[in-house]
C-alpha cells in the first residue's frame, strides 16, 4: 500500500466539524468551536451538522454531503467528527474515495467513525486518526489534559509514542489498523482488511466478554485477517462483565499482545495515526513519519 500522509495542523488553519453518525448536541459543539478558536484555529461547521433523522445526524445524503464538502474544500486542513453512535457504515459504499485520495487531510474520530477510517485506509491509503471528537472531548467541563495534549502533539508535531499501563509487552511491527472492535466486525462482507502485516489496536465499551470472544473469533476465521495480523495492541475494554475471562482470552489468543494503551471510549484517550507504520517494543508503541 502506498500510504498518503496528511499535512501537519498549524495555527490559523481551518478545522471542519462534521457529523457522519449520530445526532449531535449543538450546545456542546458551540463550546468546542470556542475552544478551537481560542487555540488559534478557524472552525467551519458542516452545513447539515444540526440535522436530525431518527437517531442520525440527518439523512445519509446530508451526512455524506458534509463529508465530501469537507474533503473538497481546499481551505479546510483537518476534519473532526462530532460524535460516534451509529450511521457511518451506511455511508461506506456511497463515499467518493477518489475525492478523498486527491484531497488528503487530517480526519479524526473513534467509535463508530472506525468504519470510515478503515475504509478510507483500504480504498485510498490515507492515514487518518483514531482520536477525540468534537462533542465530548474539547472545551467541555470533563475535557482531559492528556487527551488534548496528545491530539495537538500528534497532529501539529507529528509525534506519537504510547506507553502501556499494565506491563503486558510484545515486540512486533506493522501498520496500525483496528479501532472499535464491534464496528470493525460490522464491516465483515466488505473488502476492509489491509494487504500488509498489521498491528490490530482495539478497544470497546459495554460488550460482554463472550461477545468480545465472538468478535475476535469471527475476524480470525477470515483467512486474510489471520494471515496479516502481526500482533494486538489492547486499548481499554470498559464496562465489561468479567475481567478474568477477558484476560484469559487474550492470554490464549496465540498472538503477541501488548497493553493496556490509552486508546479508549473513556475520558483519557490518545490520538493514534490509523494506517501508520508502527512498532511495539516491549510496553511501548512507537510511530514515526506519519505526517507530510
Protein backbone atom coordinates (compact mmCIF):
# COMPACT_ATOMS: atom_id res chain seq x y z
CA UNK A 1 0.00 0.00 0.00
CA UNK A 2 1.21 3.48 -0.86
CA UNK A 3 0.39 5.40 2.30
CA UNK A 4 -0.70 9.02 1.96
CA UNK A 5 0.41 11.29 4.79
CA UNK A 6 -1.70 14.35 5.65
CA UNK A 7 -0.07 17.70 6.34
CA UNK A 8 0.50 18.81 9.91
CA UNK A 9 -2.03 21.12 11.52
CA UNK A 10 -0.83 24.72 12.02
CA UNK A 11 -2.15 27.72 13.92
CA UNK A 12 -4.51 29.65 11.68
CA UNK A 13 -5.67 26.53 9.81
CA UNK A 14 -9.36 25.83 9.28
CA UNK A 15 -10.87 22.82 11.05
CA UNK A 16 -14.18 21.36 9.85
CA UNK A 17 -16.57 19.67 12.26
CA UNK A 18 -18.99 17.24 10.65
CA UNK A 19 -21.42 14.60 11.93
CA UNK A 20 -21.27 11.37 9.88
CA UNK A 21 -23.06 9.31 12.55
CA UNK A 22 -25.40 10.15 15.43
CA UNK A 23 -27.40 13.27 16.18
CA UNK A 24 -25.32 15.97 17.89
CA UNK A 25 -25.77 18.33 20.83
CA UNK A 26 -25.23 21.76 19.29
CA UNK A 27 -24.59 23.43 22.65
CA UNK A 28 -21.57 21.19 23.16
CA UNK A 29 -20.43 21.81 19.59
CA UNK A 30 -20.53 25.57 20.24
CA UNK A 31 -18.21 25.10 23.22
CA UNK A 32 -15.82 23.13 21.02
CA UNK A 33 -15.86 25.89 18.40
CA UNK A 34 -14.89 28.39 21.11
CA UNK A 35 -12.10 26.09 22.30
CA UNK A 36 -10.50 25.82 18.86
CA UNK A 37 -10.91 29.49 18.07
CA UNK A 38 -9.21 30.42 21.36
CA UNK A 39 -6.47 27.92 20.45
CA UNK A 40 -5.74 29.84 17.25
CA UNK A 41 -7.75 27.95 14.64
CA UNK A 42 -10.66 28.77 12.37
CA UNK A 43 -13.68 26.47 12.51
CA UNK A 44 -16.23 25.60 9.86
CA UNK A 45 -19.29 23.51 10.70
CA UNK A 46 -20.82 21.10 8.24
CA UNK A 47 -23.91 22.53 6.56
CA UNK A 48 -26.06 19.71 7.88
CA UNK A 49 -24.49 19.20 11.32
CA UNK A 50 -27.63 20.26 13.19
CA UNK A 51 -29.95 18.00 11.22
CA UNK A 52 -31.73 15.05 12.83
CA UNK A 53 -33.31 12.00 11.28
CA UNK A 54 -34.37 9.46 13.89
CA UNK A 55 -31.08 8.60 15.68
CA UNK A 56 -28.86 10.02 12.90
CA UNK A 57 -27.45 13.48 12.21
CA UNK A 58 -29.59 13.87 9.13
CA UNK A 59 -30.18 11.63 6.14
CA UNK A 60 -27.42 9.57 4.57
CA UNK A 61 -27.29 12.09 1.73
CA UNK A 62 -26.91 15.05 4.10
CA UNK A 63 -24.18 13.42 6.18
CA UNK A 64 -22.36 12.28 3.05
CA UNK A 65 -22.59 15.79 1.58
CA UNK A 66 -20.81 17.25 4.60
CA UNK A 67 -18.09 14.59 4.42
CA UNK A 68 -17.48 15.23 0.72
CA UNK A 69 -17.61 19.01 1.11
CA UNK A 70 -15.06 18.96 3.92
CA UNK A 71 -12.57 16.95 1.87
CA UNK A 72 -13.17 19.01 -1.28
CA UNK A 73 -12.71 22.41 0.41
CA UNK A 74 -9.06 23.45 -0.07
CA UNK A 75 -9.18 25.81 2.92
CA UNK A 76 -10.03 23.01 5.34
CA UNK A 77 -6.92 21.29 6.72
CA UNK A 78 -8.49 18.97 9.30
CA UNK A 79 -11.84 17.24 9.76
CA UNK A 80 -13.00 16.31 13.25
CA UNK A 81 -16.10 14.19 13.63
CA UNK A 82 -18.71 15.40 16.10
CA UNK A 83 -19.52 12.03 17.69
CA UNK A 84 -19.95 8.32 17.05
CA UNK A 85 -23.04 6.32 17.86
CA UNK A 86 -24.22 4.75 14.63
CA UNK A 87 -24.51 5.70 10.98
CA UNK A 88 -21.05 5.71 9.40
CA UNK A 89 -21.42 2.21 7.98
CA UNK A 90 -24.43 3.44 5.99
CA UNK A 91 -22.09 5.72 4.03
CA UNK A 92 -19.14 3.48 3.16
CA UNK A 93 -20.43 2.28 -0.21
CA UNK A 94 -21.52 5.79 -1.22
CA UNK A 95 -18.29 7.66 -0.49
CA UNK A 96 -16.26 9.17 -3.34
CA UNK A 97 -12.90 7.70 -2.33
CA UNK A 98 -11.13 9.32 -5.29
CA UNK A 99 -12.18 12.71 -3.94
CA UNK A 100 -10.58 11.82 -0.59
CA UNK A 101 -7.45 10.41 -2.23
CA UNK A 102 -6.99 13.58 -4.27
CA UNK A 103 -7.59 15.89 -1.28
CA UNK A 104 -5.75 14.28 1.63
CA UNK A 105 -6.07 15.95 5.02
CA UNK A 106 -6.40 15.12 8.71
CA UNK A 107 -9.53 13.12 9.54
CA UNK A 108 -10.16 12.27 13.20
CA UNK A 109 -12.70 10.29 15.22
CA UNK A 110 -13.24 6.99 17.02
CA UNK A 111 -16.03 4.59 17.97
CA UNK A 112 -18.45 4.38 15.00
CA UNK A 113 -16.04 6.54 12.96
CA UNK A 114 -13.77 3.46 12.89
CA UNK A 115 -15.79 2.29 9.87
CA UNK A 116 -14.75 5.37 7.90
CA UNK A 117 -11.09 5.21 8.94
CA UNK A 118 -10.86 1.54 7.97
CA UNK A 119 -12.46 2.03 4.57
CA UNK A 120 -10.55 5.24 3.80
CA UNK A 121 -7.29 3.44 4.56
CA UNK A 122 -8.25 0.48 2.39
CA UNK A 123 -9.58 2.50 -0.55
CA UNK A 124 -7.11 5.39 -0.58
CA UNK A 125 -4.10 4.68 1.65
CA UNK A 126 -4.70 7.92 3.57
CA UNK A 127 -3.51 7.86 7.17
CA UNK A 128 -6.39 9.06 9.37
CA UNK A 129 -6.53 9.37 13.16
CA UNK A 130 -8.30 7.48 15.90
CA UNK A 131 -8.81 10.21 18.45
CA UNK A 132 -11.10 12.62 20.28
CA UNK A 133 -14.27 14.06 18.84
CA UNK A 134 -15.91 17.46 18.91
CA UNK A 135 -18.96 16.81 21.06
CA UNK A 136 -17.32 15.28 24.10
CA UNK A 137 -13.61 15.97 24.26
CA UNK A 138 -12.89 19.65 23.60
CA UNK A 139 -13.98 22.68 25.58
CA UNK A 140 -16.23 20.67 27.87
CA UNK A 141 -16.22 20.54 31.66
CA UNK A 142 -14.88 16.98 31.50
CA UNK A 143 -12.16 17.65 28.91
CA UNK A 144 -8.98 15.76 29.76
CA UNK A 145 -5.49 17.28 29.62
CA UNK A 146 -3.82 14.12 28.29
CA UNK A 147 -6.41 13.86 25.53
CA UNK A 148 -5.93 17.48 24.45
CA UNK A 149 -2.13 17.30 24.64
CA UNK A 150 -1.98 14.03 22.68
CA UNK A 151 -4.27 15.49 20.00
CA UNK A 152 -2.09 18.54 19.40
CA UNK A 153 1.23 16.72 19.76
CA UNK A 154 0.20 14.12 17.21
CA UNK A 155 -1.38 16.49 14.69
CA UNK A 156 0.82 19.59 14.95
CA UNK A 157 4.20 17.99 15.74
CA UNK A 158 3.84 14.58 14.10
CA UNK A 159 4.87 12.80 17.30
CA UNK A 160 3.14 9.77 18.80
CA UNK A 161 4.54 7.32 21.35
CA UNK A 162 2.18 5.33 23.56
CA UNK A 163 3.09 3.52 26.76
CA UNK A 164 1.15 0.62 28.25
CA UNK A 165 -0.02 0.90 31.83
CA UNK A 166 -0.02 -2.71 32.99
CA UNK A 167 3.26 -4.18 31.77
CA UNK A 168 1.95 -6.58 29.12
CA UNK A 169 4.59 -6.46 26.40
CA UNK A 170 5.37 -7.66 22.88
CA UNK A 171 7.81 -6.98 20.05
CA UNK A 172 6.14 -6.70 16.67
CA UNK A 173 5.75 -4.28 13.74
CA UNK A 174 3.15 -3.45 11.11
CA UNK A 175 0.71 -0.75 10.10
CA UNK A 176 -1.79 0.30 12.75
CA UNK A 177 -5.27 -0.96 11.95
CA UNK A 178 -8.33 -1.57 14.09
CA UNK A 179 -10.19 0.74 16.44
CA UNK A 180 -13.57 -0.06 17.91
CA UNK A 181 -13.97 -3.84 17.84
CA UNK A 182 -17.74 -4.05 17.30
CA UNK A 183 -17.54 -1.52 14.46
CA UNK A 184 -14.70 -3.39 12.74
CA UNK A 185 -16.72 -6.61 12.87
CA UNK A 186 -19.68 -4.79 11.30
CA UNK A 187 -17.51 -4.37 8.17
CA UNK A 188 -17.35 -8.12 7.56
CA UNK A 189 -18.52 -8.71 4.00
CA UNK A 190 -16.64 -5.61 2.79
CA UNK A 191 -13.10 -5.51 1.41
CA UNK A 192 -11.66 -3.85 4.51
CA UNK A 193 -8.63 -5.86 5.66
CA UNK A 194 -5.17 -4.42 4.87
CA UNK A 195 -2.99 -6.32 2.41
CA UNK A 196 0.05 -5.71 4.63
CA UNK A 197 1.01 -7.04 8.04
CA UNK A 198 -0.79 -5.01 10.68
CA UNK A 199 -0.90 -4.41 14.41
CA UNK A 200 -4.53 -4.68 15.46
CA UNK A 201 -5.23 -1.92 18.00
CA UNK A 202 -8.58 -2.42 19.62
CA UNK A 203 -10.98 -1.14 22.26
CA UNK A 204 -14.67 -1.31 23.13
CA UNK A 205 -17.26 -0.44 25.75
CA UNK A 206 -20.18 -2.28 27.32
CA UNK A 207 -19.62 -5.57 25.49
CA UNK A 208 -19.94 -8.88 27.40
CA UNK A 209 -16.78 -10.98 27.27
CA UNK A 210 -18.48 -13.69 25.22
CA UNK A 211 -19.19 -11.10 22.52
CA UNK A 212 -15.57 -9.92 22.55
CA UNK A 213 -14.57 -13.57 22.10
CA UNK A 214 -17.08 -13.95 19.28
CA UNK A 215 -15.91 -10.77 17.51
CA UNK A 216 -12.26 -11.83 17.58
CA UNK A 217 -13.12 -15.35 16.52
CA UNK A 218 -15.17 -14.07 13.59
CA UNK A 219 -12.25 -11.93 12.42
CA UNK A 220 -9.69 -14.70 12.89
CA UNK A 221 -11.89 -17.05 10.87
CA UNK A 222 -11.18 -14.78 7.88
CA UNK A 223 -8.04 -16.13 6.21
CA UNK A 224 -6.70 -12.73 5.16
CA UNK A 225 -7.13 -11.29 8.63
CA UNK A 226 -5.50 -14.33 10.22
CA UNK A 227 -2.55 -14.23 7.80
CA UNK A 228 -1.89 -10.50 8.08
CA UNK A 229 -2.35 -9.80 11.78
CA UNK A 230 1.09 -9.49 13.39
CA UNK A 231 0.03 -8.66 16.93
CA UNK A 232 -2.52 -6.92 19.13
CA UNK A 233 -2.29 -3.57 20.93
CA UNK A 234 -5.00 -3.58 23.57
CA UNK A 235 -6.83 -0.40 24.39
CA UNK A 236 -9.40 -0.21 27.16
CA UNK A 237 -12.40 -2.51 27.32
CA UNK A 238 -14.76 -0.58 29.57
CA UNK A 239 -17.83 -1.78 31.49
CA UNK A 240 -17.15 -5.48 30.84
CA UNK A 241 -18.73 -8.27 32.84
CA UNK A 242 -15.67 -10.40 33.75
CA UNK A 243 -12.10 -9.10 33.60
CA UNK A 244 -10.61 -12.51 34.48
CA UNK A 245 -12.33 -14.14 31.50
CA UNK A 246 -11.13 -11.33 29.24
CA UNK A 247 -7.54 -11.66 30.47
CA UNK A 248 -7.67 -15.41 29.91
CA UNK A 249 -8.98 -14.90 26.37
CA UNK A 250 -6.14 -12.58 25.36
CA UNK A 251 -3.52 -14.72 27.12
CA UNK A 252 -4.57 -17.64 24.96
CA UNK A 253 -5.07 -15.76 21.71
CA UNK A 254 -1.85 -17.17 20.21
CA UNK A 255 -0.58 -13.75 19.10
CA UNK A 256 1.82 -11.17 20.55
CA UNK A 257 -0.37 -8.96 22.76
CA UNK A 258 0.62 -5.71 24.49
CA UNK A 259 -1.35 -3.19 26.53
CA UNK A 260 -3.22 -1.59 28.06
CA UNK A 261 -2.73 1.56 25.94
CA UNK A 262 -4.74 4.82 26.32
CA UNK A 263 -6.97 4.00 23.36
CA UNK A 264 -10.44 4.24 24.77
CA UNK A 265 -14.05 5.28 24.98
CA UNK A 266 -13.08 6.78 28.34
CA UNK A 267 -12.17 10.31 29.31
CA UNK A 268 -8.47 9.81 28.63
CA UNK A 269 -7.60 8.87 25.06
CA UNK A 270 -4.62 9.17 22.73
CA UNK A 271 -4.71 10.36 19.14
CA UNK A 272 -3.35 7.45 17.09
CA UNK A 273 -2.32 7.54 13.39
CA UNK A 274 -4.58 4.99 11.70
CA UNK A 275 -2.61 3.17 8.99
CA UNK A 276 0.82 4.44 10.01
CA UNK A 277 3.81 2.10 10.26
CA UNK A 278 4.43 1.27 13.91
CA UNK A 279 6.45 -0.98 16.16
CA UNK A 280 5.61 -2.32 19.59
CA UNK A 281 8.81 -2.56 21.62
CA UNK A 282 8.09 -4.19 24.98
CA UNK A 283 5.44 -1.90 26.50
CA UNK A 284 5.64 1.00 24.03
CA UNK A 285 4.13 1.71 20.60
CA UNK A 286 6.50 3.82 18.52
CA UNK A 287 5.06 5.56 15.46
CA UNK A 288 7.08 7.81 13.22
CA UNK A 289 6.91 9.59 9.87
CA UNK A 290 3.11 9.71 9.54
CA UNK A 291 2.68 13.38 8.61
CA UNK A 292 3.77 15.23 5.48
